[in-house]
Amino acid sequence: MVENMDSLYEQIDHSDILPAKVFVTSIENSGFHWHNDVEIILVLKGSVITYN
């Protein structure tokens, strides 16, 4: 990731088989960041508040 003002740029590396990066993580591990890819968040348990 590259630091940029108040957030980090995340370089997304896609596989040759699937043009997406799919993973499961705790939202506690995700800080403010940006990238050129669409990010889809699926809440499996509890709730999440997001900010623009």
N, C-alpha and C. Protein backbone atom coordinates (compact mmCIF):
# COMPACT_ATOMS: atom_id res chain seq x y z
N MET A 1 0.83 -1.19 0.00
CA MET A 1 0.00 0.00 0.00
C MET A 1 0.88 1.25 0.00
N VAL A 2 0.38 2.30 -0.63
CA VAL A 2 1.09 3.56 -0.71
C VAL A 2 0.31 4.60 0.10
N GLU A 3 0.99 5.30 0.99
CA GLU A 3 0.33 6.31 1.82
C GLU A 3 0.00 7.54 0.99
N ASN A 4 -1.23 8.06 1.17
CA ASN A 4 -1.69 9.23 0.43
C ASN A 4 -2.62 10.04 1.33
N MET A 5 -2.10 11.12 1.92
CA MET A 5 -2.87 11.99 2.80
C MET A 5 -3.40 11.18 4.00
N ASP A 6 -4.72 11.05 4.13
CA ASP A 6 -5.31 10.37 5.29
C ASP A 6 -5.66 8.91 5.01
N SER A 7 -5.35 8.41 3.84
CA SER A 7 -5.71 7.03 3.50
C SER A 7 -4.57 6.36 2.73
N LEU A 8 -4.71 5.09 2.49
CA LEU A 8 -3.69 4.31 1.79
C LEU A 8 -4.22 3.82 0.45
N TYR A 9 -3.36 3.85 -0.56
CA TYR A 9 -3.70 3.25 -1.85
C TYR A 9 -3.35 1.77 -1.80
N GLU A 10 -4.31 0.92 -2.14
CA GLU A 10 -4.09 -0.52 -2.13
C GLU A 10 -4.00 -1.03 -3.56
N GLN A 11 -2.89 -1.64 -3.92
CA GLN A 11 -2.73 -2.27 -5.23
C GLN A 11 -3.39 -3.63 -5.18
N ILE A 12 -4.37 -3.87 -6.05
CA ILE A 12 -5.09 -5.14 -6.09
C ILE A 12 -4.48 -6.00 -7.18
N ASP A 13 -3.99 -7.18 -6.82
CA ASP A 13 -3.45 -8.12 -7.79
C ASP A 13 -4.49 -9.20 -8.06
N HIS A 14 -4.90 -9.32 -9.32
CA HIS A 14 -5.90 -10.31 -9.71
C HIS A 14 -5.23 -11.56 -10.24
N SER A 15 -5.91 -12.69 -10.08
CA SER A 15 -5.37 -13.94 -10.63
C SER A 15 -5.72 -14.02 -12.12
N ASP A 16 -5.06 -14.90 -12.84
CA ASP A 16 -5.36 -15.11 -14.25
C ASP A 16 -6.67 -15.87 -14.45
N ILE A 17 -7.08 -16.62 -13.44
CA ILE A 17 -8.29 -17.44 -13.53
C ILE A 17 -9.55 -16.63 -13.21
N LEU A 18 -9.49 -15.83 -12.15
CA LEU A 18 -10.65 -15.05 -11.70
C LEU A 18 -10.25 -13.58 -11.62
N PRO A 19 -10.92 -12.70 -12.37
CA PRO A 19 -10.52 -11.29 -12.38
C PRO A 19 -11.03 -10.54 -11.15
N ALA A 20 -10.86 -11.15 -9.98
CA ALA A 20 -11.30 -10.53 -8.73
C ALA A 20 -10.45 -11.09 -7.59
N LYS A 21 -10.42 -10.35 -6.50
CA LYS A 21 -9.74 -10.81 -5.30
C LYS A 21 -10.83 -11.03 -4.26
N VAL A 22 -10.98 -12.25 -3.80
CA VAL A 22 -12.04 -12.60 -2.85
C VAL A 22 -11.40 -13.12 -1.57
N PHE A 23 -11.84 -12.57 -0.43
CA PHE A 23 -11.30 -13.03 0.85
C PHE A 23 -12.28 -12.70 1.97
N VAL A 24 -12.13 -13.37 3.08
CA VAL A 24 -12.92 -13.13 4.28
C VAL A 24 -12.00 -12.53 5.33
N THR A 25 -12.44 -11.44 5.96
CA THR A 25 -11.62 -10.78 6.97
C THR A 25 -12.51 -10.09 7.98
N SER A 26 -11.96 -9.76 9.09
CA SER A 26 -12.67 -8.97 10.10
C SER A 26 -12.61 -7.51 9.70
N ILE A 27 -13.71 -6.80 9.82
CA ILE A 27 -13.73 -5.39 9.45
C ILE A 27 -12.80 -4.58 10.36
N GLU A 28 -12.47 -5.12 11.51
CA GLU A 28 -11.53 -4.46 12.41
C GLU A 28 -10.14 -4.33 11.78
N ASN A 29 -9.85 -5.17 10.78
CA ASN A 29 -8.55 -5.16 10.11
C ASN A 29 -8.52 -4.25 8.89
N SER A 30 -9.61 -3.53 8.62
CA SER A 30 -9.69 -2.71 7.41
C SER A 30 -9.76 -1.23 7.78
N GLY A 31 -8.70 -0.48 7.44
CA GLY A 31 -8.69 0.95 7.69
C GLY A 31 -9.09 1.71 6.44
N PHE A 32 -9.03 3.04 6.50
CA PHE A 32 -9.36 3.85 5.34
C PHE A 32 -8.33 3.60 4.24
N HIS A 33 -8.82 3.27 3.06
CA HIS A 33 -7.95 2.99 1.92
C HIS A 33 -8.74 3.25 0.64
N TRP A 34 -8.04 3.26 -0.49
CA TRP A 34 -8.70 3.44 -1.78
C TRP A 34 -7.98 2.63 -2.83
N HIS A 35 -8.71 2.33 -3.92
CA HIS A 35 -8.16 1.61 -5.06
C HIS A 35 -9.08 1.82 -6.24
N ASN A 36 -8.67 1.38 -7.39
CA ASN A 36 -9.46 1.56 -8.61
C ASN A 36 -10.47 0.46 -8.83
N ASP A 37 -10.55 -0.51 -7.95
CA ASP A 37 -11.47 -1.63 -8.08
C ASP A 37 -12.72 -1.41 -7.23
N VAL A 38 -13.81 -2.07 -7.59
CA VAL A 38 -15.03 -2.06 -6.79
C VAL A 38 -14.82 -2.94 -5.58
N GLU A 39 -15.29 -2.49 -4.42
CA GLU A 39 -15.19 -3.29 -3.20
C GLU A 39 -16.60 -3.61 -2.73
N ILE A 40 -16.90 -4.89 -2.59
CA ILE A 40 -18.21 -5.34 -2.11
C ILE A 40 -18.01 -5.94 -0.73
N ILE A 41 -18.80 -5.45 0.23
CA ILE A 41 -18.70 -5.93 1.60
C ILE A 41 -19.98 -6.67 1.95
N LEU A 42 -19.86 -7.90 2.40
CA LEU A 42 -20.99 -8.71 2.83
C LEU A 42 -20.83 -8.94 4.33
N VAL A 43 -21.76 -8.42 5.11
CA VAL A 43 -21.71 -8.57 6.56
C VAL A 43 -22.32 -9.92 6.91
N LEU A 44 -21.51 -10.79 7.53
CA LEU A 44 -21.97 -12.13 7.88
C LEU A 44 -22.60 -12.17 9.27
N LYS A 45 -22.17 -11.26 10.17
CA LYS A 45 -22.69 -11.26 11.53
C LYS A 45 -22.58 -9.85 12.09
N GLY A 46 -23.62 -9.36 12.75
CA GLY A 46 -23.57 -8.03 13.34
C GLY A 46 -23.92 -6.94 12.34
N SER A 47 -23.35 -5.76 12.52
CA SER A 47 -23.64 -4.64 11.62
C SER A 47 -22.36 -3.81 11.43
N VAL A 48 -22.39 -2.97 10.39
CA VAL A 48 -21.24 -2.13 10.03
C VAL A 48 -21.75 -0.75 9.67
N ILE A 49 -21.02 0.28 10.08
CA ILE A 49 -21.30 1.65 9.66
C ILE A 49 -20.17 2.07 8.72
N THR A 50 -20.50 2.53 7.52
CA THR A 50 -19.49 2.96 6.55
C THR A 50 -19.55 4.47 6.39
N TYR A 51 -18.46 5.05 5.95
CA TYR A 51 -18.34 6.49 5.73
C TYR A 51 -17.87 6.75 4.32
N ASN A 52 -18.36 7.82 3.72
CA ASN A 52 -17.90 8.23 2.38
C ASN A 52 -16.65 9.02 2.50
